[in-house]
Amino acid sequence: MKPVTHTSSVMFSVGAPWEIFRVETSRGTVDLYTKAGNLGVYASLLVLVPDYDFGWVILSAADNSGTASEGLHIITNLIADAFLPAVEAAAKAEAATVFAGTYKATNGLNSSISIVTDEFPGLGVQSWISNGTDAFGAFLDLSGVPSSQFGVSVRLYPTNLLQTSPRQQAFRAVFELLPTRVDDGGVFSVCGSWGGVDAVYYGDVAIDEFLFHFDEYGRAVSVEPRFLRVILQKDSK
């Protein structure tokens, strides 16, 4: 489920055996993995959306091959326009139920992390205290910038590292200084956050590694910032 090669269009890549279309949505870029085929007056299209674990299939027949293909693309555009926003809204609502809340240490440490869902992609870290220390302030100190001029944004994004028994999922944290630098429009003026994965370690563990633990109903019950060697339990209140 990855491109084999890109094309001259930034919104289209070729996989094995996929035709991959990229769509800009309110929450970022979504990849549609498709496989089209036709035989005479019959046409078909399989669409998979890995980001949301859903897809659709269209089978088309018409009086000629041109009409069959044209109808196929009109229908799939209508489906994409209608369902992608709906699925994104459903995913956001589900994430709020599964992840949002305050997680606290139960071993006597003054450690906690509050996670929210908002209008931005991923999960937002609203506050983070580690053994009495404000983690946001520590990141500013690590970055060498004054707290009076900058703030910190920490967002968590899911990875495909999953375990089913017990159920766990790895997330990556993206740390950014606020306000962000104004984009000057140059070729290399793009977000480089993913290029900094594993950039900073503590005790041989990257500080951006997070692990969520789930109950039998698929709800997060604890979160583990792995470099801190502590598991924070979700507050049930």
Protein backbone atom coordinates (compact mmCIF):
# COMPACT_ATOMS: atom_id res chain seq x y z
CA MET A 1 0.00 0.00 0.00
CA LYS A 2 2.73 2.42 -1.02
CA PRO A 3 3.55 4.13 -4.33
CA VAL A 4 6.08 2.44 -6.58
CA THR A 5 6.65 5.63 -8.54
CA HIS A 6 5.35 9.19 -8.63
CA THR A 7 4.17 10.99 -11.75
CA SER A 8 4.31 14.53 -13.05
CA SER A 9 1.16 15.24 -11.01
CA VAL A 10 1.63 15.70 -7.25
CA MET A 11 -1.87 14.28 -6.77
CA PHE A 12 -1.34 10.98 -8.60
CA SER A 13 1.08 8.09 -8.08
CA VAL A 14 1.36 4.53 -9.36
CA GLY A 15 1.57 1.48 -7.13
CA ALA A 16 1.66 -2.26 -7.60
CA PRO A 17 -1.05 -2.63 -8.82
CA TRP A 18 -2.66 0.63 -7.66
CA GLU A 19 -3.62 3.92 -9.23
CA ILE A 20 -3.22 6.26 -6.24
CA PHE A 21 -5.11 9.54 -6.05
CA ARG A 22 -4.38 12.13 -3.34
CA VAL A 23 -7.23 14.28 -2.05
CA GLU A 24 -6.90 17.41 0.10
CA THR A 25 -9.47 17.46 2.90
CA SER A 26 -10.10 19.66 5.91
CA ARG A 27 -7.88 17.39 8.03
CA GLY A 28 -5.02 16.85 5.59
CA THR A 29 -4.15 14.69 2.59
CA VAL A 30 -6.00 11.39 2.07
CA ASP A 31 -4.76 8.70 -0.32
CA LEU A 32 -7.25 6.71 -2.39
CA TYR A 33 -5.87 3.38 -3.63
CA THR A 34 -7.83 2.38 -6.70
CA LYS A 35 -7.85 -0.36 -9.30
CA ALA A 36 -9.88 0.21 -12.44
CA GLY A 37 -10.72 -2.22 -15.21
CA ASN A 38 -12.97 -2.47 -18.22
CA LEU A 39 -14.03 -4.96 -20.86
CA GLY A 40 -16.16 -3.71 -23.69
CA VAL A 41 -19.29 -2.04 -22.34
CA TYR A 42 -18.46 -3.08 -18.76
CA ALA A 43 -16.29 -1.10 -16.32
CA SER A 44 -15.34 -1.52 -12.67
CA LEU A 45 -13.53 0.41 -9.98
CA LEU A 46 -12.25 -0.69 -6.56
CA VAL A 47 -11.42 2.13 -4.12
CA LEU A 48 -9.65 1.61 -0.77
CA VAL A 49 -9.06 4.37 1.79
CA PRO A 50 -6.53 2.98 4.30
CA ASP A 51 -6.63 6.10 6.50
CA TYR A 52 -10.24 5.33 7.42
CA ASP A 53 -10.46 1.57 6.82
CA PHE A 54 -13.23 1.79 4.28
CA GLY A 55 -13.75 1.66 0.54
CA TRP A 56 -16.25 0.98 -2.20
CA VAL A 57 -16.72 -0.90 -5.46
CA ILE A 58 -18.57 0.31 -8.55
CA LEU A 59 -19.68 -1.94 -11.41
CA SER A 60 -20.90 -0.14 -14.52
CA ALA A 61 -22.54 -1.24 -17.76
CA ALA A 62 -23.71 0.94 -20.66
CA ASP A 63 -24.39 0.97 -24.38
CA ASN A 64 -20.70 1.61 -25.19
CA SER A 65 -17.33 1.54 -23.46
CA GLY A 66 -16.99 5.32 -23.35
CA THR A 67 -20.28 5.81 -21.56
CA ALA A 68 -19.50 3.02 -19.09
CA SER A 69 -16.15 4.59 -18.11
CA GLU A 70 -17.56 8.11 -17.93
CA GLY A 71 -20.44 7.02 -15.72
CA LEU A 72 -18.03 5.12 -13.49
CA HIS A 73 -15.94 8.22 -12.81
CA ILE A 74 -18.96 10.48 -12.27
CA ILE A 75 -20.37 8.07 -9.69
CA THR A 76 -17.08 7.63 -7.82
CA ASN A 77 -16.57 11.41 -7.66
CA LEU A 78 -20.04 11.76 -6.15
CA ILE A 79 -19.27 9.06 -3.60
CA ALA A 80 -15.93 10.62 -2.65
CA ASP A 81 -17.44 14.09 -2.28
CA ALA A 82 -20.24 12.77 -0.06
CA PHE A 83 -18.52 10.10 2.01
CA LEU A 84 -15.03 11.45 2.73
CA PRO A 85 -16.30 14.40 4.84
CA ALA A 86 -18.81 12.11 6.56
CA VAL A 87 -16.17 9.49 7.38
CA GLU A 88 -13.79 12.16 8.66
CA ALA A 89 -16.50 13.52 10.95
CA ALA A 90 -17.28 10.01 12.20
CA ALA A 91 -13.58 9.30 12.79
CA LYS A 92 -13.22 12.51 14.80
CA ALA A 93 -16.24 11.64 16.94
CA GLU A 94 -14.91 8.12 17.51
CA ALA A 95 -11.45 9.44 18.44
CA ALA A 96 -13.04 11.76 21.02
CA THR A 97 -14.78 8.77 22.62
CA VAL A 98 -11.78 6.44 22.48
CA PHE A 99 -8.83 8.73 23.32
CA ALA A 100 -9.87 12.10 24.75
CA GLY A 101 -9.39 12.57 28.47
CA THR A 102 -6.83 13.03 31.22
CA TYR A 103 -4.31 10.29 31.95
CA LYS A 104 -2.55 10.20 35.34
CA ALA A 105 0.21 8.26 37.06
CA THR A 106 -0.94 5.89 39.79
CA ASN A 107 2.47 5.26 41.38
CA GLY A 108 2.66 8.51 43.35
CA LEU A 109 4.32 10.61 40.65
CA ASN A 110 2.92 14.02 39.75
CA SER A 111 2.57 13.03 36.11
CA SER A 112 -0.39 13.56 33.81
CA ILE A 113 -1.28 14.25 30.21
CA SER A 114 -4.53 15.68 28.79
CA ILE A 115 -5.53 14.67 25.26
CA VAL A 116 -8.21 16.37 23.19
CA THR A 117 -9.71 16.20 19.71
CA ASP A 118 -10.18 19.47 17.88
CA GLU A 119 -10.32 20.93 14.38
CA PHE A 120 -6.74 19.91 13.61
CA PRO A 121 -5.44 16.48 12.46
CA GLY A 122 -4.46 13.84 14.98
CA LEU A 123 -4.85 14.10 18.75
CA GLY A 124 -3.92 17.29 20.56
CA VAL A 125 -1.92 17.27 23.80
CA GLN A 126 -3.50 20.03 25.87
CA SER A 127 -1.21 19.73 28.89
CA TRP A 128 1.64 17.47 29.97
CA ILE A 129 3.25 17.23 33.42
CA SER A 130 6.10 14.77 34.03
CA ASN A 131 7.01 14.23 37.69
CA GLY A 132 6.06 17.82 38.49
CA THR A 133 7.81 19.31 35.44
CA ASP A 134 5.93 21.04 32.63
CA ALA A 135 6.95 19.04 29.54
CA PHE A 136 6.07 21.97 27.26
CA GLY A 137 8.49 24.21 29.12
CA ALA A 138 11.15 21.50 28.99
CA PHE A 139 10.77 21.30 25.21
CA LEU A 140 11.21 25.08 24.94
CA ASP A 141 14.39 24.82 27.02
CA LEU A 142 15.61 21.98 24.80
CA SER A 143 14.93 24.13 21.74
CA GLY A 144 16.79 27.06 23.25
CA VAL A 145 13.96 29.57 22.81
CA PRO A 146 12.34 31.87 25.40
CA SER A 147 8.96 30.81 26.75
CA SER A 148 7.85 34.44 26.68
CA GLN A 149 7.98 34.44 22.87
CA PHE A 150 6.99 30.90 21.92
CA GLY A 151 4.48 28.26 22.81
CA VAL A 152 4.45 24.54 22.05
CA SER A 153 2.11 22.36 20.02
CA VAL A 154 2.25 18.59 20.57
CA ARG A 155 0.08 16.37 18.40
CA LEU A 156 -0.13 12.57 18.32
CA TYR A 157 -0.55 10.63 15.08
CA PRO A 158 -1.30 6.88 14.79
CA THR A 159 1.10 4.47 13.14
CA ASN A 160 0.51 1.03 11.68
CA LEU A 161 2.35 -0.63 14.59
CA LEU A 162 -0.45 -2.63 16.21
CA GLN A 163 -0.72 -5.47 18.68
CA THR A 164 -3.95 -7.38 19.18
CA SER A 165 -3.35 -9.29 22.43
CA PRO A 166 -3.14 -7.26 24.57
CA ARG A 167 -4.43 -4.55 22.28
CA GLN A 168 -1.96 -1.71 21.80
CA GLN A 169 -1.15 0.89 19.16
CA ALA A 170 1.92 3.06 18.68
CA PHE A 171 1.61 6.78 18.04
CA ARG A 172 4.19 9.39 17.10
CA ALA A 173 4.29 12.86 18.63
CA VAL A 174 5.03 15.92 16.51
CA PHE A 175 6.47 18.87 18.45
CA GLU A 176 6.22 22.35 16.97
CA LEU A 177 7.02 25.84 18.18
CA LEU A 178 4.22 28.40 18.01
CA PRO A 179 3.87 30.72 16.26
CA THR A 180 5.33 28.85 13.31
CA ARG A 181 7.69 30.56 10.92
CA VAL A 182 5.99 32.27 8.00
CA ASP A 183 6.28 30.19 4.83
CA ASP A 184 8.38 32.08 2.31
CA GLY A 185 7.08 29.97 -0.58
CA GLY A 186 10.43 28.41 -1.48
CA VAL A 187 10.86 24.87 -2.81
CA PHE A 188 11.99 23.58 0.57
CA SER A 189 9.42 25.54 2.58
CA VAL A 190 7.42 22.51 3.62
CA CYS A 191 6.65 20.91 6.96
CA GLY A 192 9.68 18.85 7.94
CA SER A 193 8.17 17.28 11.05
CA TRP A 194 8.17 13.71 9.74
CA GLY A 195 11.81 14.08 8.76
CA GLY A 196 12.60 14.57 12.45
CA VAL A 197 11.18 11.28 13.70
CA ASP A 198 13.54 9.68 16.28
CA ALA A 199 15.64 12.86 16.26
CA VAL A 200 15.88 13.14 20.06
CA TYR A 201 16.44 10.18 22.39
CA TYR A 202 16.37 9.71 26.14
CA GLY A 203 17.58 6.41 27.54
CA ASP A 204 17.76 4.87 24.04
CA VAL A 205 14.07 5.62 23.40
CA ALA A 206 12.84 8.39 21.09
CA ILE A 207 10.91 11.08 22.94
CA ASP A 208 8.19 11.02 20.25
CA GLU A 209 7.19 7.38 20.88
CA PHE A 210 3.79 6.94 22.55
CA LEU A 211 1.89 3.72 23.16
CA PHE A 212 -1.84 3.47 23.86
CA HIS A 213 -3.31 0.48 25.68
CA PHE A 214 -6.95 -0.51 25.07
CA ASP A 215 -9.63 -2.49 26.86
CA GLU A 216 -11.71 -5.28 25.29
CA TYR A 217 -14.11 -2.68 23.88
CA GLY A 218 -11.40 -0.81 21.99
CA ARG A 219 -11.30 2.18 24.35
CA ALA A 220 -7.97 3.63 25.44
CA VAL A 221 -7.34 2.97 29.14
CA SER A 222 -3.74 4.19 29.41
CA VAL A 223 -1.01 5.96 27.50
CA GLU A 224 2.72 5.39 27.73
CA PRO A 225 5.27 8.07 26.78
CA ARG A 226 7.88 5.35 26.38
CA PHE A 227 11.00 7.41 27.08
CA LEU A 228 9.65 8.30 30.55
CA ARG A 229 9.13 4.64 31.55
CA VAL A 230 5.72 5.38 33.04
CA ILE A 231 2.18 4.30 32.15
CA LEU A 232 -0.53 6.91 32.73
CA GLN A 233 -3.99 5.58 33.47
CA LYS A 234 -7.07 7.26 31.99
CA ASP A 235 -9.12 9.13 34.55
CA SER A 236 -12.63 7.66 34.55
CA LYS A 237 -14.22 10.87 35.86
